[in-house]
Amino acid sequence: MNIDRVVATESAIELIKTLKEKHGPLMFHQSGGCCDGSQPMCFQADDFKTGNSDVCLGEIAGCHFYIGRDQFEYWKHTQLIIDVTRGRGSSFSLEIPLGVRFLSRSRIFTEEELKSLENI
């Protein structure tokens, strides 16, 4: 069974393609809250430095997607579904000037999916 920890809707994939054309290679980091809220943030690949406190959940539209290790512990039983909505977010994410923002939806993994993920 091939289970992804993070996936993207078609709308999100289309927006990522647009942003790649303008900015080049991209990456995502799921913000943990505070000043920028809890939302996925999109950066040029070299503009955000990840470290030992970050976990790579996988890729969406060819872009690595990271989350803080502490936050991962809370969300490891869920699949993140990255989507887009109208409205201005409160972050430095690349989509903000376009009047849209990425958002995270989630679903809880089934017991079978969780067992499969443990073997990865």
PDB file of N, CA and C in Angstrom:
ATOM      1  N   MET A   1       0.845  -1.172   0.000  1.00  0.00           N
ATOM      2  CA  MET A   1       0.000   0.000   0.000  1.00  0.00           C
ATOM      3  C   MET A   1       0.898   1.245   0.000  1.00  0.00           C
ATOM      4  N   ASN A   2       0.655   2.140  -0.936  1.00  0.00           N
ATOM      5  CA  ASN A   2       1.435   3.367  -1.044  1.00  0.00           C
ATOM      6  C   ASN A   2       0.605   4.531  -0.493  1.00  0.00           C
ATOM      7  N   ILE A   3       0.993   5.029   0.667  1.00  0.00           N
ATOM      8  CA  ILE A   3       0.253   6.094   1.340  1.00  0.00           C
ATOM      9  C   ILE A   3       1.127   7.340   1.386  1.00  0.00           C
ATOM     10  N   ASP A   4       0.546   8.471   1.012  1.00  0.00           N
ATOM     11  CA  ASP A   4       1.255   9.745   1.096  1.00  0.00           C
ATOM     12  C   ASP A   4       0.808  10.483   2.347  1.00  0.00           C
ATOM     13  N   ARG A   5       1.765  11.067   3.054  1.00  0.00           N
ATOM     14  CA  ARG A   5       1.434  11.853   4.244  1.00  0.00           C
ATOM     15  C   ARG A   5       0.890  13.225   3.872  1.00  0.00           C
ATOM     16  N   VAL A   6       1.213  13.697   2.658  1.00  0.00           N
ATOM     17  CA  VAL A   6       0.727  14.991   2.196  1.00  0.00           C
ATOM     18  C   VAL A   6       0.347  14.870   0.725  1.00  0.00           C
ATOM     19  N   VAL A   7      -0.813  15.429   0.381  1.00  0.00           N
ATOM     20  CA  VAL A   7      -1.306  15.446  -1.003  1.00  0.00           C
ATOM     21  C   VAL A   7      -1.839  16.856  -1.280  1.00  0.00           C
ATOM     22  N   ALA A   8      -2.112  17.146  -2.537  1.00  0.00           N
ATOM     23  CA  ALA A   8      -2.626  18.465  -2.913  1.00  0.00           C
ATOM     24  C   ALA A   8      -3.822  18.309  -3.837  1.00  0.00           C
ATOM     25  N   THR A   9      -4.753  19.242  -3.718  1.00  0.00           N
ATOM     26  CA  THR A   9      -5.906  19.273  -4.616  1.00  0.00           C
ATOM     27  C   THR A   9      -5.457  19.787  -5.979  1.00  0.00           C
ATOM     28  N   GLU A  10      -6.305  19.603  -6.982  1.00  0.00           N
ATOM     29  CA  GLU A  10      -5.983  20.107  -8.319  1.00  0.00           C
ATOM     30  C   GLU A  10      -5.796  21.618  -8.304  1.00  0.00           C
ATOM     31  N   SER A  11      -6.617  22.325  -7.536  1.00  0.00           N
ATOM     32  CA  SER A  11      -6.480  23.786  -7.436  1.00  0.00           C
ATOM     33  C   SER A  11      -5.118  24.173  -6.873  1.00  0.00           C
ATOM     34  N   ALA A  12      -4.674  23.462  -5.862  1.00  0.00           N
ATOM     35  CA  ALA A  12      -3.365  23.745  -5.273  1.00  0.00           C
ATOM     36  C   ALA A  12      -2.250  23.443  -6.266  1.00  0.00           C
ATOM     37  N   ILE A  13      -2.379  22.345  -6.991  1.00  0.00           N
ATOM     38  CA  ILE A  13      -1.360  21.980  -7.974  1.00  0.00           C
ATOM     39  C   ILE A  13      -1.265  23.035  -9.070  1.00  0.00           C
ATOM     40  N   GLU A  14      -2.396  23.541  -9.533  1.00  0.00           N
ATOM     41  CA  GLU A  14      -2.386  24.591 -10.555  1.00  0.00           C
ATOM     42  C   GLU A  14      -1.712  25.859 -10.032  1.00  0.00           C
ATOM     43  N   LEU A  15      -1.996  26.231  -8.799  1.00  0.00           N
ATOM     44  CA  LEU A  15      -1.361  27.409  -8.217  1.00  0.00           C
ATOM     45  C   LEU A  15       0.144  27.191  -8.073  1.00  0.00           C
ATOM     46  N   ILE A  16       0.542  26.020  -7.656  1.00  0.00           N
ATOM     47  CA  ILE A  16       1.974  25.715  -7.527  1.00  0.00           C
ATOM     48  C   ILE A  16       2.659  25.850  -8.883  1.00  0.00           C
ATOM     49  N   LYS A  17       2.032  25.347  -9.941  1.00  0.00           N
ATOM     50  CA  LYS A  17       2.607  25.488 -11.290  1.00  0.00           C
ATOM     51  C   LYS A  17       2.805  26.956 -11.647  1.00  0.00           C
ATOM     52  N   THR A  18       1.808  27.781 -11.358  1.00  0.00           N
ATOM     53  CA  THR A  18       1.898  29.222 -11.634  1.00  0.00           C
ATOM     54  C   THR A  18       3.051  29.844 -10.852  1.00  0.00           C
ATOM     55  N   LEU A  19       3.159  29.495  -9.575  1.00  0.00           N
ATOM     56  CA  LEU A  19       4.221  30.050  -8.738  1.00  0.00           C
ATOM     57  C   LEU A  19       5.601  29.583  -9.185  1.00  0.00           C
ATOM     58  N   LYS A  20       5.716  28.339  -9.632  1.00  0.00           N
ATOM     59  CA  LYS A  20       6.988  27.825 -10.137  1.00  0.00           C
ATOM     60  C   LYS A  20       7.437  28.586 -11.380  1.00  0.00           C
ATOM     61  N   GLU A  21       6.485  28.900 -12.261  1.00  0.00           N
ATOM     62  CA  GLU A  21       6.822  29.655 -13.471  1.00  0.00           C
ATOM     63  C   GLU A  21       7.395  31.019 -13.122  1.00  0.00           C
ATOM     64  N   LYS A  22       6.895  31.619 -12.081  1.00  0.00           N
ATOM     65  CA  LYS A  22       7.332  32.956 -11.685  1.00  0.00           C
ATOM     66  C   LYS A  22       8.578  32.936 -10.807  1.00  0.00           C
ATOM     67  N   HIS A  23       8.670  31.951  -9.881  1.00  0.00           N
ATOM     68  CA  HIS A  23       9.710  31.976  -8.855  1.00  0.00           C
ATOM     69  C   HIS A  23      10.746  30.861  -8.959  1.00  0.00           C
ATOM     70  N   GLY A  24      10.530  29.879  -9.816  1.00  0.00           N
ATOM     71  CA  GLY A  24      11.463  28.753  -9.892  1.00  0.00           C
ATOM     72  C   GLY A  24      11.128  27.681  -8.870  1.00  0.00           C
ATOM     73  N   PRO A  25      12.116  26.865  -8.501  1.00  0.00           N
ATOM     74  CA  PRO A  25      11.874  25.763  -7.554  1.00  0.00           C
ATOM     75  C   PRO A  25      11.320  26.269  -6.220  1.00  0.00           C
ATOM     76  N   LEU A  26      10.371  25.514  -5.678  1.00  0.00           N
ATOM     77  CA  LEU A  26       9.679  25.899  -4.455  1.00  0.00           C
ATOM     78  C   LEU A  26       9.768  24.814  -3.397  1.00  0.00           C
ATOM     79  N   MET A  27       9.419  25.190  -2.167  1.00  0.00           N
ATOM     80  CA  MET A  27       9.274  24.240  -1.070  1.00  0.00           C
ATOM     81  C   MET A  27       8.172  24.756  -0.160  1.00  0.00           C
ATOM     82  N   PHE A  28       7.652  23.860   0.685  1.00  0.00           N
ATOM     83  CA  PHE A  28       6.590  24.214   1.625  1.00  0.00           C
ATOM     84  C   PHE A  28       7.016  23.888   3.047  1.00  0.00           C
ATOM     85  N   HIS A  29       6.489  24.674   3.973  1.00  0.00           N
ATOM     86  CA  HIS A  29       6.650  24.365   5.390  1.00  0.00           C
ATOM     87  C   HIS A  29       5.312  24.624   6.069  1.00  0.00           C
ATOM     88  N   GLN A  30       4.818  23.635   6.778  1.00  0.00           N
ATOM     89  CA  GLN A  30       3.563  23.784   7.524  1.00  0.00           C
ATOM     90  C   GLN A  30       3.853  24.565   8.778  1.00  0.00           C
ATOM     91  N   SER A  31       3.323  25.766   8.836  1.00  0.00           N
ATOM     92  CA  SER A  31       3.551  26.621   9.987  1.00  0.00           C
ATOM     93  C   SER A  31       2.828  26.065  11.204  1.00  0.00           C
ATOM     94  N   GLY A  32       3.422  26.261  12.352  1.00  0.00           N
ATOM     95  CA  GLY A  32       2.839  25.757  13.588  1.00  0.00           C
ATOM     96  C   GLY A  32       1.988  26.740  14.344  1.00  0.00           C
ATOM     97  N   GLY A  33       1.795  27.925  13.804  1.00  0.00           N
ATOM     98  CA  GLY A  33       0.954  28.883  14.484  1.00  0.00           C
ATOM     99  C   GLY A  33       1.692  30.151  14.816  1.00  0.00           C
ATOM    100  N   CYS A  34       1.320  30.780  15.882  1.00  0.00           N
ATOM    101  CA  CYS A  34       1.869  32.045  16.348  1.00  0.00           C
ATOM    102  C   CYS A  34       1.458  33.165  15.401  1.00  0.00           C
ATOM    103  N   CYS A  35       2.383  33.970  14.973  1.00  0.00           N
ATOM    104  CA  CYS A  35       2.073  35.185  14.200  1.00  0.00           C
ATOM    105  C   CYS A  35       1.449  34.896  12.843  1.00  0.00           C
ATOM    106  N   ASP A  36       1.819  33.804  12.204  1.00  0.00           N
ATOM    107  CA  ASP A  36       1.340  33.539  10.853  1.00  0.00           C
ATOM    108  C   ASP A  36       0.216  32.517  10.817  1.00  0.00           C
ATOM    109  N   GLY A  37      -0.331  32.157  11.944  1.00  0.00           N
ATOM    110  CA  GLY A  37      -1.382  31.155  11.958  1.00  0.00           C
ATOM    111  C   GLY A  37      -0.820  29.779  11.653  1.00  0.00           C
ATOM    112  N   SER A  38      -1.684  28.822  11.536  1.00  0.00           N
ATOM    113  CA  SER A  38      -1.264  27.462  11.199  1.00  0.00           C
ATOM    114  C   SER A  38      -1.665  27.200   9.759  1.00  0.00           C
ATOM    115  N   GLN A  39      -0.719  27.388   8.849  1.00  0.00           N
ATOM    116  CA  GLN A  39      -1.017  27.226   7.436  1.00  0.00           C
ATOM    117  C   GLN A  39       0.228  26.775   6.699  1.00  0.00           C
ATOM    118  N   PRO A  40       0.047  26.146   5.546  1.00  0.00           N
ATOM    119  CA  PRO A  40       1.214  25.794   4.738  1.00  0.00           C
ATOM    120  C   PRO A  40       1.767  27.043   4.073  1.00  0.00           C
ATOM    121  N   MET A  41       3.067  27.213   4.138  1.00  0.00           N
ATOM    122  CA  MET A  41       3.689  28.382   3.531  1.00  0.00           C
ATOM    123  C   MET A  41       4.616  27.935   2.417  1.00  0.00           C
ATOM    124  N   CYS A  42       4.551  28.648   1.302  1.00  0.00           N
ATOM    125  CA  CYS A  42       5.316  28.333   0.104  1.00  0.00           C
ATOM    126  C   CYS A  42       6.452  29.347  -0.047  1.00  0.00           C
ATOM    127  N   PHE A  43       7.653  28.832  -0.250  1.00  0.00           N
ATOM    128  CA  PHE A  43       8.844  29.672  -0.405  1.00  0.00           C
ATOM    129  C   PHE A  43       9.644  29.220  -1.622  1.00  0.00           C
ATOM    130  N   GLN A  44      10.501  30.111  -2.114  1.00  0.00           N
ATOM    131  CA  GLN A  44      11.490  29.668  -3.081  1.00  0.00           C
ATOM    132  C   GLN A  44      12.359  28.646  -2.361  1.00  0.00           C
ATOM    133  N   ALA A  45      12.811  27.648  -3.083  1.00  0.00           N
ATOM    134  CA  ALA A  45      13.480  26.503  -2.458  1.00  0.00           C
ATOM    135  C   ALA A  45      14.638  26.891  -1.544  1.00  0.00           C
ATOM    136  N   ASP A  46      15.358  27.954  -1.842  1.00  0.00           N
ATOM    137  CA  ASP A  46      16.521  28.326  -1.032  1.00  0.00           C
ATOM    138  C   ASP A  46      16.225  29.402   0.006  1.00  0.00           C
ATOM    139  N   ASP A  47      14.975  29.858   0.103  1.00  0.00           N
ATOM    140  CA  ASP A  47      14.649  30.958   1.005  1.00  0.00           C
ATOM    141  C   ASP A  47      14.263  30.526   2.415  1.00  0.00           C
ATOM    142  N   PHE A  48      14.054  29.255   2.653  1.00  0.00           N
ATOM    143  CA  PHE A  48      13.675  28.771   3.978  1.00  0.00           C
ATOM    144  C   PHE A  48      14.605  27.619   4.329  1.00  0.00           C
ATOM    145  N   LYS A  49      15.309  27.750   5.415  1.00  0.00           N
ATOM    146  CA  LYS A  49      16.271  26.724   5.831  1.00  0.00           C
ATOM    147  C   LYS A  49      15.606  25.755   6.797  1.00  0.00           C
ATOM    148  N   THR A  50      15.653  24.485   6.450  1.00  0.00           N
ATOM    149  CA  THR A  50      15.136  23.450   7.340  1.00  0.00           C
ATOM    150  C   THR A  50      16.301  22.872   8.137  1.00  0.00           C
ATOM    151  N   GLY A  51      15.971  22.203   9.224  1.00  0.00           N
ATOM    152  CA  GLY A  51      17.009  21.621  10.072  1.00  0.00           C
ATOM    153  C   GLY A  51      16.537  20.340  10.724  1.00  0.00           C
ATOM    154  N   ASN A  52      17.227  19.939  11.756  1.00  0.00           N
ATOM    155  CA  ASN A  52      16.914  18.689  12.457  1.00  0.00           C
ATOM    156  C   ASN A  52      15.550  18.717  13.120  1.00  0.00           C
ATOM    157  N   SER A  53      14.997  19.904  13.320  1.00  0.00           N
ATOM    158  CA  SER A  53      13.684  19.996  13.968  1.00  0.00           C
ATOM    159  C   SER A  53      12.543  19.946  12.959  1.00  0.00           C
ATOM    160  N   ASP A  54      12.852  19.669  11.683  1.00  0.00           N
ATOM    161  CA  ASP A  54      11.834  19.575  10.635  1.00  0.00           C
ATOM    162  C   ASP A  54      11.769  18.163  10.071  1.00  0.00           C
ATOM    163  N   VAL A  55      10.557  17.764   9.673  1.00  0.00           N
ATOM    164  CA  VAL A  55      10.318  16.450   9.073  1.00  0.00           C
ATOM    165  C   VAL A  55       9.791  16.676   7.662  1.00  0.00           C
ATOM    166  N   CYS A  56      10.370  15.994   6.680  1.00  0.00           N
ATOM    167  CA  CYS A  56       9.859  16.070   5.314  1.00  0.00           C
ATOM    168  C   CYS A  56       8.748  15.037   5.175  1.00  0.00           C
ATOM    169  N   LEU A  57       7.522  15.518   4.922  1.00  0.00           N
ATOM    170  CA  LEU A  57       6.371  14.621   4.780  1.00  0.00           C
ATOM    171  C   LEU A  57       6.295  13.986   3.394  1.00  0.00           C
ATOM    172  N   GLY A  58       6.948  14.597   2.428  1.00  0.00           N
ATOM    173  CA  GLY A  58       6.880  14.118   1.049  1.00  0.00           C
ATOM    174  C   GLY A  58       6.942  15.294   0.099  1.00  0.00           C
ATOM    175  N   GLU A  59       6.314  15.121  -1.061  1.00  0.00           N
ATOM    176  CA  GLU A  59       6.300  16.173  -2.073  1.00  0.00           C
ATOM    177  C   GLU A  59       4.883  16.393  -2.586  1.00  0.00           C
ATOM    178  N   ILE A  60       4.611  17.642  -2.945  1.00  0.00           N
ATOM    179  CA  ILE A  60       3.389  17.968  -3.683  1.00  0.00           C
ATOM    180  C   ILE A  60       3.822  18.752  -4.919  1.00  0.00           C
ATOM    181  N   ALA A  61       3.362  18.332  -6.066  1.00  0.00           N
ATOM    182  CA  ALA A  61       3.699  18.980  -7.339  1.00  0.00           C
ATOM    183  C   ALA A  61       5.202  19.193  -7.484  1.00  0.00           C
ATOM    184  N   GLY A  62       5.980  18.220  -7.037  1.00  0.00           N
ATOM    185  CA  GLY A  62       7.432  18.295  -7.170  1.00  0.00           C
ATOM    186  C   GLY A  62       8.129  19.188  -6.159  1.00  0.00           C
ATOM    187  N   CYS A  63       7.435  19.606  -5.105  1.00  0.00           N
ATOM    188  CA  CYS A  63       8.001  20.488  -4.075  1.00  0.00           C
ATOM    189  C   CYS A  63       8.043  19.757  -2.743  1.00  0.00           C
ATOM    190  N   HIS A  64       9.196  19.775  -2.088  1.00  0.00           N
ATOM    191  CA  HIS A  64       9.280  19.171  -0.758  1.00  0.00           C
ATOM    192  C   HIS A  64       8.354  19.895   0.208  1.00  0.00           C
ATOM    193  N   PHE A  65       7.771  19.120   1.116  1.00  0.00           N
ATOM    194  CA  PHE A  65       6.832  19.655   2.102  1.00  0.00           C
ATOM    195  C   PHE A  65       7.300  19.242   3.489  1.00  0.00           C
ATOM    196  N   TYR A  66       7.594  20.243   4.336  1.00  0.00           N
ATOM    197  CA  TYR A  66       8.132  20.018   5.674  1.00  0.00           C
ATOM    198  C   TYR A  66       7.144  20.449   6.751  1.00  0.00           C
ATOM    199  N   ILE A  67       7.347  19.886   7.922  1.00  0.00           N
ATOM    200  CA  ILE A  67       6.586  20.270   9.111  1.00  0.00           C
ATOM    201  C   ILE A  67       7.541  20.170  10.301  1.00  0.00           C
ATOM    202  N   GLY A  68       7.348  21.017  11.306  1.00  0.00           N
ATOM    203  CA  GLY A  68       8.171  20.937  12.504  1.00  0.00           C
ATOM    204  C   GLY A  68       7.967  19.596  13.204  1.00  0.00           C
ATOM    205  N   ARG A  69       9.040  19.057  13.756  1.00  0.00           N
ATOM    206  CA  ARG A  69       8.990  17.727  14.393  1.00  0.00           C
ATOM    207  C   ARG A  69       7.946  17.671  15.513  1.00  0.00           C
ATOM    208  N   ASP A  70       7.871  18.703  16.345  1.00  0.00           N
ATOM    209  CA  ASP A  70       6.880  18.709  17.429  1.00  0.00           C
ATOM    210  C   ASP A  70       5.467  18.689  16.878  1.00  0.00           C
ATOM    211  N   GLN A  71       5.227  19.472  15.838  1.00  0.00           N
ATOM    212  CA  GLN A  71       3.897  19.506  15.231  1.00  0.00           C
ATOM    213  C   GLN A  71       3.593  18.174  14.550  1.00  0.00           C
ATOM    214  N   PHE A  72       4.598  17.569  13.932  1.00  0.00           N
ATOM    215  CA  PHE A  72       4.417  16.265  13.303  1.00  0.00           C
ATOM    216  C   PHE A  72       3.905  15.245  14.314  1.00  0.00           C
ATOM    217  N   GLU A  73       4.402  15.288  15.523  1.00  0.00           N
ATOM    218  CA  GLU A  73       3.969  14.338  16.551  1.00  0.00           C
ATOM    219  C   GLU A  73       2.460  14.439  16.803  1.00  0.00           C
ATOM    220  N   TYR A  74       1.911  15.642  16.700  1.00  0.00           N
ATOM    221  CA  TYR A  74       0.470  15.826  16.870  1.00  0.00           C
ATOM    222  C   TYR A  74      -0.323  15.362  15.652  1.00  0.00           C
ATOM    223  N   TRP A  75       0.266  15.494  14.472  1.00  0.00           N
ATOM    224  CA  TRP A  75      -0.462  15.249  13.225  1.00  0.00           C
ATOM    225  C   TRP A  75      -0.064  13.956  12.517  1.00  0.00           C
ATOM    226  N   LYS A  76       0.797  13.150  13.089  1.00  0.00           N
ATOM    227  CA  LYS A  76       1.320  11.982  12.381  1.00  0.00           C
ATOM    228  C   LYS A  76       0.251  10.944  12.047  1.00  0.00           C
ATOM    229  N   HIS A  77      -0.887  11.019  12.685  1.00  0.00           N
ATOM    230  CA  HIS A  77      -1.984  10.083  12.405  1.00  0.00           C
ATOM    231  C   HIS A  77      -2.911  10.604  11.303  1.00  0.00           C
ATOM    232  N   THR A  78      -2.563  11.762  10.691  1.00  0.00           N
ATOM    233  CA  THR A  78      -3.418  12.355   9.658  1.00  0.00           C
ATOM    234  C   THR A  78      -2.666  12.572   8.359  1.00  0.00           C
ATOM    235  N   GLN A  79      -3.432  12.565   7.286  1.00  0.00           N
ATOM    236  CA  GLN A  79      -2.900  12.949   5.983  1.00  0.00           C
ATOM    237  C   GLN A  79      -3.246  14.423   5.774  1.00  0.00           C
ATOM    238  N   LEU A  80      -2.247  15.217   5.406  1.00  0.00           N
ATOM    239  CA  LEU A  80      -2.506  16.624   5.108  1.00  0.00           C
ATOM    240  C   LEU A  80      -2.932  16.747   3.644  1.00  0.00           C
ATOM    241  N   ILE A  81      -3.979  17.508   3.424  1.00  0.00           N
ATOM    242  CA  ILE A  81      -4.501  17.763   2.080  1.00  0.00           C
ATOM    243  C   ILE A  81      -4.371  19.264   1.857  1.00  0.00           C
ATOM    244  N   ILE A  82      -3.472  19.648   0.973  1.00  0.00           N
ATOM    245  CA  ILE A  82      -3.200  21.062   0.743  1.00  0.00           C
ATOM    246  C   ILE A  82      -4.157  21.575  -0.327  1.00  0.00           C
ATOM    247  N   ASP A  83      -4.841  22.654   0.014  1.00  0.00           N
ATOM    248  CA  ASP A  83      -5.854  23.240  -0.863  1.00  0.00           C
ATOM    249  C   ASP A  83      -5.597  24.737  -0.967  1.00  0.00           C
ATOM    250  N   VAL A  84      -6.449  25.426  -1.708  1.00  0.00           N
ATOM    251  CA  VAL A  84      -6.349  26.875  -1.916  1.00  0.00           C
ATOM    252  C   VAL A  84      -7.706  27.495  -1.642  1.00  0.00           C
ATOM    253  N   THR A  85      -7.690  28.689  -1.082  1.00  0.00           N
ATOM    254  CA  THR A  85      -8.924  29.436  -0.877  1.00  0.00           C
ATOM    255  C   THR A  85      -8.664  30.906  -1.179  1.00  0.00           C
ATOM    256  N   ARG A  86      -9.723  31.621  -1.522  1.00  0.00           N
ATOM    257  CA  ARG A  86      -9.600  33.064  -1.745  1.00  0.00           C
ATOM    258  C   ARG A  86      -9.379  33.743  -0.403  1.00  0.00           C
ATOM    259  N   GLY A  87      -8.719  34.865  -0.460  1.00  0.00           N
ATOM    260  CA  GLY A  87      -8.476  35.618   0.765  1.00  0.00           C
ATOM    261  C   GLY A  87      -6.998  35.726   1.043  1.00  0.00           C
ATOM    262  N   ARG A  88      -6.663  36.763   1.694  1.00  0.00           N
ATOM    263  CA  ARG A  88      -5.259  37.048   1.974  1.00  0.00           C
ATOM    264  C   ARG A  88      -4.862  36.401   3.296  1.00  0.00           C
ATOM    265  N   GLY A  89      -3.828  35.603   3.240  1.00  0.00           N
ATOM    266  CA  GLY A  89      -3.281  35.016   4.454  1.00  0.00           C
ATOM    267  C   GLY A  89      -2.361  36.002   5.146  1.00  0.00           C
ATOM    268  N   SER A  90      -1.944  35.664   6.336  1.00  0.00           N
ATOM    269  CA  SER A  90      -1.063  36.560   7.100  1.00  0.00           C
ATOM    270  C   SER A  90       0.318  35.930   7.226  1.00  0.00           C
ATOM    271  N   SER A  91       0.994  35.786   6.094  1.00  0.00           N
ATOM    272  CA  SER A  91       2.317  35.176   6.122  1.00  0.00           C
ATOM    273  C   SER A  91       3.167  35.742   4.992  1.00  0.00           C
ATOM    274  N   PHE A  92       4.348  35.187   4.857  1.00  0.00           N
ATOM    275  CA  PHE A  92       5.266  35.586   3.797  1.00  0.00           C
ATOM    276  C   PHE A  92       5.205  34.605   2.628  1.00  0.00           C
ATOM    277  N   SER A  93       4.195  33.792   2.572  1.00  0.00           N
ATOM    278  CA  SER A  93       4.045  32.773   1.539  1.00  0.00           C
ATOM    279  C   SER A  93       3.880  33.428   0.165  1.00  0.00           C
ATOM    280  N   LEU A  94       4.441  32.807  -0.861  1.00  0.00           N
ATOM    281  CA  LEU A  94       4.503  33.402  -2.199  1.00  0.00           C
ATOM    282  C   LEU A  94       3.157  33.653  -2.868  1.00  0.00           C
ATOM    283  N   GLU A  95       2.113  32.948  -2.472  1.00  0.00           N
ATOM    284  CA  GLU A  95       0.812  33.118  -3.126  1.00  0.00           C
ATOM    285  C   GLU A  95       0.037  34.333  -2.624  1.00  0.00           C
ATOM    286  N   ILE A  96       0.417  34.890  -1.510  1.00  0.00           N
ATOM    287  CA  ILE A  96      -0.346  35.962  -0.861  1.00  0.00           C
ATOM    288  C   ILE A  96      -0.639  37.143  -1.797  1.00  0.00           C
ATOM    289  N   PRO A  97       0.317  37.644  -2.587  1.00  0.00           N
ATOM    290  CA  PRO A  97       0.013  38.776  -3.473  1.00  0.00           C
ATOM    291  C   PRO A  97      -1.062  38.469  -4.530  1.00  0.00           C
ATOM    292  N   LEU A  98      -1.357  37.202  -4.752  1.00  0.00           N
ATOM    293  CA  LEU A  98      -2.362  36.814  -5.741  1.00  0.00           C
ATOM    294  C   LEU A  98      -3.782  36.826  -5.166  1.00  0.00           C
ATOM    295  N   GLY A  99      -3.920  37.147  -3.888  1.00  0.00           N
ATOM    296  CA  GLY A  99      -5.245  37.213  -3.264  1.00  0.00           C
ATOM    297  C   GLY A  99      -5.812  35.863  -2.886  1.00  0.00           C
ATOM    298  N   VAL A 100      -4.948  34.863  -2.801  1.00  0.00           N
ATOM    299  CA  VAL A 100      -5.345  33.522  -2.377  1.00  0.00           C
ATOM    300  C   VAL A 100      -4.342  33.051  -1.326  1.00  0.00           C
ATOM    301  N   ARG A 101      -4.686  31.937  -0.678  1.00  0.00           N
ATOM    302  CA  ARG A 101      -3.743  31.352   0.280  1.00  0.00           C
ATOM    303  C   ARG A 101      -3.920  29.840   0.296  1.00  0.00           C
ATOM    304  N   PHE A 102      -2.818  29.175   0.571  1.00  0.00           N
ATOM    305  CA  PHE A 102      -2.883  27.733   0.766  1.00  0.00           C
ATOM    306  C   PHE A 102      -3.491  27.478   2.142  1.00  0.00           C
ATOM    307  N   LEU A 103      -4.166  26.341   2.273  1.00  0.00           N
ATOM    308  CA  LEU A 103      -4.665  25.917   3.570  1.00  0.00           C
ATOM    309  C   LEU A 103      -4.542  24.410   3.670  1.00  0.00           C
ATOM    310  N   SER A 104      -4.495  23.943   4.899  1.00  0.00           N
ATOM    311  CA  SER A 104      -4.378  22.506   5.152  1.00  0.00           C
ATOM    312  C   SER A 104      -5.701  21.950   5.630  1.00  0.00           C
ATOM    313  N   ARG A 105      -6.107  20.893   4.987  1.00  0.00           N
ATOM    314  CA  ARG A 105      -7.219  20.083   5.467  1.00  0.00           C
ATOM    315  C   ARG A 105      -6.574  18.778   5.919  1.00  0.00           C
ATOM    316  N   SER A 106      -7.294  17.969   6.605  1.00  0.00           N
ATOM    317  CA  SER A 106      -6.695  16.695   7.013  1.00  0.00           C
ATOM    318  C   SER A 106      -7.752  15.616   7.104  1.00  0.00           C
ATOM    319  N   ARG A 107      -7.267  14.402   7.074  1.00  0.00           N
ATOM    320  CA  ARG A 107      -8.122  13.251   7.323  1.00  0.00           C
ATOM    321  C   ARG A 107      -7.309  12.264   8.144  1.00  0.00           C
ATOM    322  N   ILE A 108      -7.975  11.541   8.996  1.00  0.00           N
ATOM    323  CA  ILE A 108      -7.300  10.566   9.849  1.00  0.00           C
ATOM    324  C   ILE A 108      -7.027   9.304   9.033  1.00  0.00           C
ATOM    325  N   PHE A 109      -5.803   8.806   9.137  1.00  0.00           N
ATOM    326  CA  PHE A 109      -5.453   7.561   8.462  1.00  0.00           C
ATOM    327  C   PHE A 109      -6.251   6.391   9.050  1.00  0.00           C
ATOM    328  N   THR A 110      -6.553   5.418   8.210  1.00  0.00           N
ATOM    329  CA  THR A 110      -7.171   4.189   8.707  1.00  0.00           C
ATOM    330  C   THR A 110      -6.111   3.387   9.463  1.00  0.00           C
ATOM    331  N   GLU A 111      -6.544   2.404  10.233  1.00  0.00           N
ATOM    332  CA  GLU A 111      -5.597   1.540  10.949  1.00  0.00           C
ATOM    333  C   GLU A 111      -4.649   0.846   9.970  1.00  0.00           C
ATOM    334  N   GLU A 112      -5.194   0.389   8.848  1.00  0.00           N
ATOM    335  CA  GLU A 112      -4.371  -0.280   7.833  1.00  0.00           C
ATOM    336  C   GLU A 112      -3.323   0.679   7.265  1.00  0.00           C
ATOM    337  N   GLU A 113      -3.725   1.919   6.993  1.00  0.00           N
ATOM    338  CA  GLU A 113      -2.782   2.908   6.470  1.00  0.00           C
ATOM    339  C   GLU A 113      -1.686   3.215   7.485  1.00  0.00           C
ATOM    340  N   LEU A 114      -2.067   3.362   8.753  1.00  0.00           N
ATOM    341  CA  LEU A 114      -1.073   3.629   9.789  1.00  0.00           C
ATOM    342  C   LEU A 114      -0.055   2.501   9.904  1.00  0.00           C
ATOM    343  N   LYS A 115      -0.519   1.265   9.806  1.00  0.00           N
ATOM    344  CA  LYS A 115       0.400   0.128   9.867  1.00  0.00           C
ATOM    345  C   LYS A 115       1.356   0.153   8.686  1.00  0.00           C
ATOM    346  N   SER A 116       0.837   0.513   7.521  1.00  0.00           N
ATOM    347  CA  SER A 116       1.666   0.619   6.320  1.00  0.00           C
ATOM    348  C   SER A 116       2.721   1.714   6.487  1.00  0.00           C
ATOM    349  N   LEU A 117       2.335   2.840   7.086  1.00  0.00           N
ATOM    350  CA  LEU A 117       3.272   3.940   7.300  1.00  0.00           C
ATOM    351  C   LEU A 117       4.372   3.578   8.287  1.00  0.00           C
ATOM    352  N   GLU A 118       4.053   2.748   9.257  1.00  0.00           N
ATOM    353  CA  GLU A 118       5.071   2.310  10.239  1.00  0.00           C
ATOM    354  C   GLU A 118       6.182   1.529   9.572  1.00  0.00           C
ATOM    355  N   ASN A 119       5.877   0.881   8.450  1.00  0.00           N
ATOM    356  CA  ASN A 119       6.865   0.061   7.755  1.00  0.00           C
ATOM    357  C   ASN A 119       7.738   0.871   6.800  1.00  0.00           C
ATOM    358  N   ILE A 120       7.448   2.156   6.671  1.00  0.00           N
ATOM    359  CA  ILE A 120       8.221   3.005   5.741  1.00  0.00           C
ATOM    360  C   ILE A 120       9.435   3.551   6.447  1.00  0.00           C
TER     361      ILE A 120
END
